[in-house]
C-alpha atoms as a PDB file:
ATOM      1  CA  MET A   1      81.302  74.870-143.424  1.00  0.00           C
ATOM      2  CA  SER A   2      80.030  71.876-145.326  1.00  0.00           C
ATOM      3  CA  TYR A   3      77.158  69.478-144.857  1.00  0.00           C
ATOM      4  CA  LEU A   4      77.002  65.702-144.496  1.00  0.00           C
ATOM      5  CA  ILE A   5      73.517  64.613-145.526  1.00  0.00           C
ATOM      6  CA  ASP A   6      71.650  61.365-144.977  1.00  0.00           C
ATOM      7  CA  GLY A   7      70.050  61.359-148.433  1.00  0.00           C
ATOM      8  CA  HIS A   8      67.288  58.793-148.036  1.00  0.00           C
ATOM      9  CA  ASN A   9      66.352  60.422-144.737  1.00  0.00           C
ATOM     10  CA  LEU A  10      65.931  63.816-146.448  1.00  0.00           C
ATOM     11  CA  ILE A  11      64.064  62.743-149.607  1.00  0.00           C
ATOM     12  CA  PRO A  12      60.614  62.180-147.995  1.00  0.00           C
ATOM     13  CA  HIS A  13      60.651  65.749-146.655  1.00  0.00           C
ATOM     14  CA  LEU A  14      60.888  67.403-150.086  1.00  0.00           C
ATOM     15  CA  PRO A  15      57.837  68.080-152.255  1.00  0.00           C
ATOM     16  CA  GLY A  16      57.719  65.994-155.404  1.00  0.00           C
ATOM     17  CA  LEU A  17      60.271  63.477-154.144  1.00  0.00           C
ATOM     18  CA  SER A  18      59.624  59.974-152.927  1.00  0.00           C
ATOM     19  CA  LEU A  19      61.831  57.035-152.050  1.00  0.00           C
ATOM     20  CA  SER A  20      59.776  54.955-154.491  1.00  0.00           C
ATOM     21  CA  GLN A  21      60.980  56.997-157.475  1.00  0.00           C
ATOM     22  CA  ILE A  22      63.691  55.442-159.616  1.00  0.00           C
ATOM     23  CA  ASP A  23      65.608  58.725-159.888  1.00  0.00           C
ATOM     24  CA  ASP A  24      65.066  59.985-156.322  1.00  0.00           C
ATOM     25  CA  GLU A  25      68.793  60.235-155.603  1.00  0.00           C
ATOM     26  CA  MET A  26      69.578  62.309-158.692  1.00  0.00           C
ATOM     27  CA  ARG A  27      66.598  64.579-158.088  1.00  0.00           C
ATOM     28  CA  LEU A  28      67.869  65.222-154.559  1.00  0.00           C
ATOM     29  CA  VAL A  29      71.316  65.982-155.993  1.00  0.00           C
ATOM     30  CA  GLU A  30      69.653  68.620-158.209  1.00  0.00           C
ATOM     31  CA  TRP A  31      67.990  70.231-155.162  1.00  0.00           C
ATOM     32  CA  LEU A  32      71.349  70.240-153.387  1.00  0.00           C
ATOM     33  CA  GLN A  33      73.159  71.740-156.375  1.00  0.00           C
ATOM     34  CA  GLY A  34      70.775  74.702-156.266  1.00  0.00           C
ATOM     35  CA  TYR A  35      71.407  75.065-152.549  1.00  0.00           C
ATOM     36  CA  CYS A  36      75.189  74.948-153.012  1.00  0.00           C
ATOM     37  CA  GLN A  37      75.094  77.559-155.761  1.00  0.00           C
ATOM     38  CA  LYS A  38      73.005  79.919-153.656  1.00  0.00           C
ATOM     39  CA  LYS A  39      74.845  79.401-150.352  1.00  0.00           C
ATOM     40  CA  HIS A  40      78.363  78.701-151.688  1.00  0.00           C
ATOM     41  CA  ARG A  41      78.627  75.580-149.545  1.00  0.00           C
ATOM     42  CA  ASN A  42      79.869  72.055-150.161  1.00  0.00           C
ATOM     43  CA  VAL A  43      77.680  69.038-149.553  1.00  0.00           C
ATOM     44  CA  GLU A  44      78.370  65.352-149.162  1.00  0.00           C
ATOM     45  CA  VAL A  45      75.242  63.256-149.508  1.00  0.00           C
ATOM     46  CA  PHE A  46      75.138  59.561-148.600  1.00  0.00           C
ATOM     47  CA  PHE A  47      72.718  57.017-150.104  1.00  0.00           C
ATOM     48  CA  ASP A  48      72.065  53.418-149.007  1.00  0.00           C
ATOM     49  CA  GLN A  49      71.741  50.381-151.252  1.00  0.00           C
ATOM     50  CA  ALA A  50      73.753  51.454-154.284  1.00  0.00           C
ATOM     51  CA  PRO A  51      72.907  49.316-157.289  1.00  0.00           C
ATOM     52  CA  PRO A  52      75.684  47.079-158.636  1.00  0.00           C
ATOM     53  CA  GLY A  53      77.971  48.857-161.069  1.00  0.00           C
ATOM     54  CA  PHE A  54      77.333  52.300-159.577  1.00  0.00           C
ATOM     55  CA  LEU A  55      80.466  54.325-158.873  1.00  0.00           C
ATOM     56  CA  PRO A  56      80.780  54.611-155.093  1.00  0.00           C
ATOM     57  CA  THR A  57      81.482  58.357-155.213  1.00  0.00           C
ATOM     58  CA  ARG A  58      80.468  60.899-157.853  1.00  0.00           C
ATOM     59  CA  LYS A  59      81.021  64.666-157.967  1.00  0.00           C
ATOM     60  CA  PHE A  60      78.319  67.047-159.163  1.00  0.00           C
ATOM     61  CA  GLY A  61      79.950  70.453-158.752  1.00  0.00           C
ATOM     62  CA  ARG A  62      79.877  71.259-155.038  1.00  0.00           C
ATOM     63  CA  VAL A  63      77.845  68.107-154.315  1.00  0.00           C
ATOM     64  CA  THR A  64      79.658  64.835-153.676  1.00  0.00           C
ATOM     65  CA  ALA A  65      77.352  61.817-153.702  1.00  0.00           C
ATOM     66  CA  HIS A  66      78.431  58.663-151.898  1.00  0.00           C
ATOM     67  CA  PHE A  67      76.556  55.539-152.972  1.00  0.00           C
ATOM     68  CA  VAL A  68      77.013  52.999-150.187  1.00  0.00           C
ATOM     69  CA  ARG A  69      77.013  49.404-151.363  1.00  0.00           C
ATOM     70  CA  GLN A  70      74.737  46.780-149.947  1.00  0.00           C
ATOM     71  CA  GLY A  71      76.113  45.288-146.767  1.00  0.00           C
ATOM     72  CA  SER A  72      76.703  48.704-145.235  1.00  0.00           C
ATOM     73  CA  THR A  73      74.542  51.754-144.622  1.00  0.00           C
ATOM     74  CA  ALA A  74      74.637  55.478-145.247  1.00  0.00           C
ATOM     75  CA  ASP A  75      74.407  55.900-141.473  1.00  0.00           C
ATOM     76  CA  ALA A  76      77.625  53.922-140.985  1.00  0.00           C
ATOM     77  CA  ALA A  77      79.314  55.830-143.820  1.00  0.00           C
ATOM     78  CA  ILE A  78      78.402  59.180-142.248  1.00  0.00           C
ATOM     79  CA  GLN A  79      79.667  58.009-138.867  1.00  0.00           C
ATOM     80  CA  GLY A  80      82.913  56.824-140.477  1.00  0.00           C
ATOM     81  CA  ARG A  81      83.321  60.134-142.289  1.00  0.00           C
ATOM     82  CA  LEU A  82      82.884  62.028-139.013  1.00  0.00           C
ATOM     83  CA  LEU A  83      85.560  59.872-137.376  1.00  0.00           C
ATOM     84  CA  ARG A  84      87.994  60.476-140.252  1.00  0.00           C
ATOM     85  CA  MET A  85      87.356  64.220-140.018  1.00  0.00           C
ATOM     86  CA  GLY A  86      88.434  64.264-136.391  1.00  0.00           C
ATOM     87  CA  LYS A  87      88.361  67.696-134.791  1.00  0.00           C
ATOM     88  CA  SER A  88      87.490  69.411-138.073  1.00  0.00           C
ATOM     89  CA  ALA A  89      83.995  67.838-137.866  1.00  0.00           C
ATOM     90  CA  ARG A  90      83.031  70.626-135.471  1.00  0.00           C
ATOM     91  CA  ASN A  91      83.033  72.993-138.464  1.00  0.00           C
ATOM     92  CA  ASP A  92      80.405  70.990-140.322  1.00  0.00           C
ATOM     93  CA  SER A  93      76.716  70.140-140.088  1.00  0.00           C
ATOM     94  CA  VAL A  94      75.022  66.766-140.311  1.00  0.00           C
ATOM     95  CA  VAL A  95      71.530  66.619-141.814  1.00  0.00           C
ATOM     96  CA  SER A  96      69.544  63.636-140.571  1.00  0.00           C
ATOM     97  CA  SER A  97      66.614  62.807-138.355  1.00  0.00           C
ATOM     98  CA  ASP A  98      68.097  59.397-137.536  1.00  0.00           C
ATOM     99  CA  ARG A  99      68.934  59.334-133.820  1.00  0.00           C
ATOM    100  CA  GLN A 100      72.118  57.284-134.220  1.00  0.00           C
ATOM    101  CA  VAL A 101      73.456  59.626-136.883  1.00  0.00           C
ATOM    102  CA  GLN A 102      72.561  62.645-134.749  1.00  0.00           C
ATOM    103  CA  ALA A 103      74.312  61.082-131.737  1.00  0.00           C
ATOM    104  CA  ALA A 104      77.452  60.461-133.802  1.00  0.00           C
ATOM    105  CA  ALA A 105      77.350  64.067-135.037  1.00  0.00           C
ATOM    106  CA  ARG A 106      77.009  65.428-131.520  1.00  0.00           C
ATOM    107  CA  GLN A 107      79.860  63.206-130.329  1.00  0.00           C
ATOM    108  CA  ALA A 108      82.032  64.661-133.123  1.00  0.00           C
ATOM    109  CA  HIS A 109      80.857  68.171-132.085  1.00  0.00           C
ATOM    110  CA  ALA A 110      79.227  68.745-135.481  1.00  0.00           C
ATOM    111  CA  GLN A 111      76.026  70.731-135.742  1.00  0.00           C
ATOM    112  CA  VAL A 112      72.855  68.627-136.140  1.00  0.00           C
ATOM    113  CA  ILE A 113      70.077  69.735-138.471  1.00  0.00           C
ATOM    114  CA  PRO A 114      66.916  67.593-138.612  1.00  0.00           C
ATOM    115  CA  SER A 115      65.939  66.593-142.144  1.00  0.00           C
ATOM    116  CA  ASP A 116      62.605  68.428-142.065  1.00  0.00           C
ATOM    117  CA  VAL A 117      64.296  71.685-141.019  1.00  0.00           C
ATOM    118  CA  PHE A 118      66.888  71.444-143.804  1.00  0.00           C
ATOM    119  CA  ALA A 119      64.160  70.516-146.316  1.00  0.00           C
ATOM    120  CA  SER A 120      62.269  73.688-145.366  1.00  0.00           C
ATOM    121  CA  GLU A 121      65.402  75.708-146.144  1.00  0.00           C
ATOM    122  CA  LEU A 122      65.782  73.969-149.530  1.00  0.00           C
ATOM    123  CA  VAL A 123      62.148  74.699-150.399  1.00  0.00           C
ATOM    124  CA  ARG A 124      62.456  78.336-149.316  1.00  0.00           C
ATOM    125  CA  LEU A 125      65.552  78.885-151.454  1.00  0.00           C
ATOM    126  CA  SER A 126      63.912  77.160-154.401  1.00  0.00           C
ATOM    127  CA  GLU A 127      60.859  79.409-154.117  1.00  0.00           C
ATOM    128  CA  GLU A 128      63.100  82.487-153.955  1.00  0.00           C
ATOM    129  CA  ALA A 129      64.925  81.356-157.085  1.00  0.00           C
ATOM    130  CA  GLN A 130      61.610  80.836-158.889  1.00  0.00           C
ATOM    131  CA  ALA A 131      60.504  84.321-157.880  1.00  0.00           C
ATOM    132  CA  GLY A 132      63.638  85.441-159.700  1.00  0.00           C
ATOM    133  CA  PRO A 133      64.414  89.008-160.664  1.00  0.00           C
ATOM    134  CA  GLN A 134      60.930  90.270-159.797  1.00  0.00           C
ATOM    135  CA  ALA A 135      61.761  90.035-156.083  1.00  0.00           C
ATOM    136  CA  ASP A 136      64.931  92.048-156.686  1.00  0.00           C
ATOM    137  CA  LEU A 137      62.999  94.575-158.766  1.00  0.00           C
ATOM    138  CA  GLU A 138      60.563  95.199-155.925  1.00  0.00           C
ATOM    139  CA  SER A 139      63.339  95.872-153.457  1.00  0.00           C
ATOM    140  CA  SER A 140      64.980  98.097-156.064  1.00  0.00           C
ATOM    141  CA  LYS A 141      61.791 100.207-156.236  1.00  0.00           C
ATOM    142  CA  GLU A 142      61.977 100.632-152.467  1.00  0.00           C
ATOM    143  CA  ASP A 143      65.634 101.629-152.732  1.00  0.00           C
ATOM    144  CA  ILE A 144      64.863 104.153-155.467  1.00  0.00           C
ATOM    145  CA  ALA A 145      62.057 105.701-153.421  1.00  0.00           C
ATOM    146  CA  TYR A 146      64.336 105.928-150.411  1.00  0.00           C
ATOM    147  CA  TRP A 147      67.138 107.629-152.339  1.00  0.00           C
ATOM    148  CA  GLU A 148      64.737 109.963-154.132  1.00  0.00           C
ATOM    149  CA  ASP A 149      63.420 111.021-150.761  1.00  0.00           C
ATOM    150  CA  GLN A 150      66.960 111.550-149.464  1.00  0.00           C
ATOM    151  CA  PHE A 151      67.995 113.748-152.380  1.00  0.00           C
ATOM    152  CA  SER A 152      64.739 115.753-152.681  1.00  0.00           C
END
């Protein structure tokens, strides 16, 4: 399963990100890279209004960023991608709160995830990663106590 993400629709739902930031797209890519590493998933993220000279598609590990040139929209690019995927779109999820994008995803039989719901998942995974080994250590103490009890 992979994800098609409406990037500018997701950005306002993440703490510390804003559409007014110059590097908002790259900061979202960083969030998504962490998600992909943790979940072993592939992501395609679509951004509107690519500046002139920007490569239309760039790979960042498991994250593929599509920078849609002026004159078109990320919404249209996502809809086009779903059409090109055909029946295989049913194996993927579309992240957007835009009603037209959601309708296109449903028509392609893809799963729809609202941007705020997906953002909550990104934040949760980020917090888990920041908790780091300490969280694992605590569960290890529980495991040790369990096994000590079993072998006593």
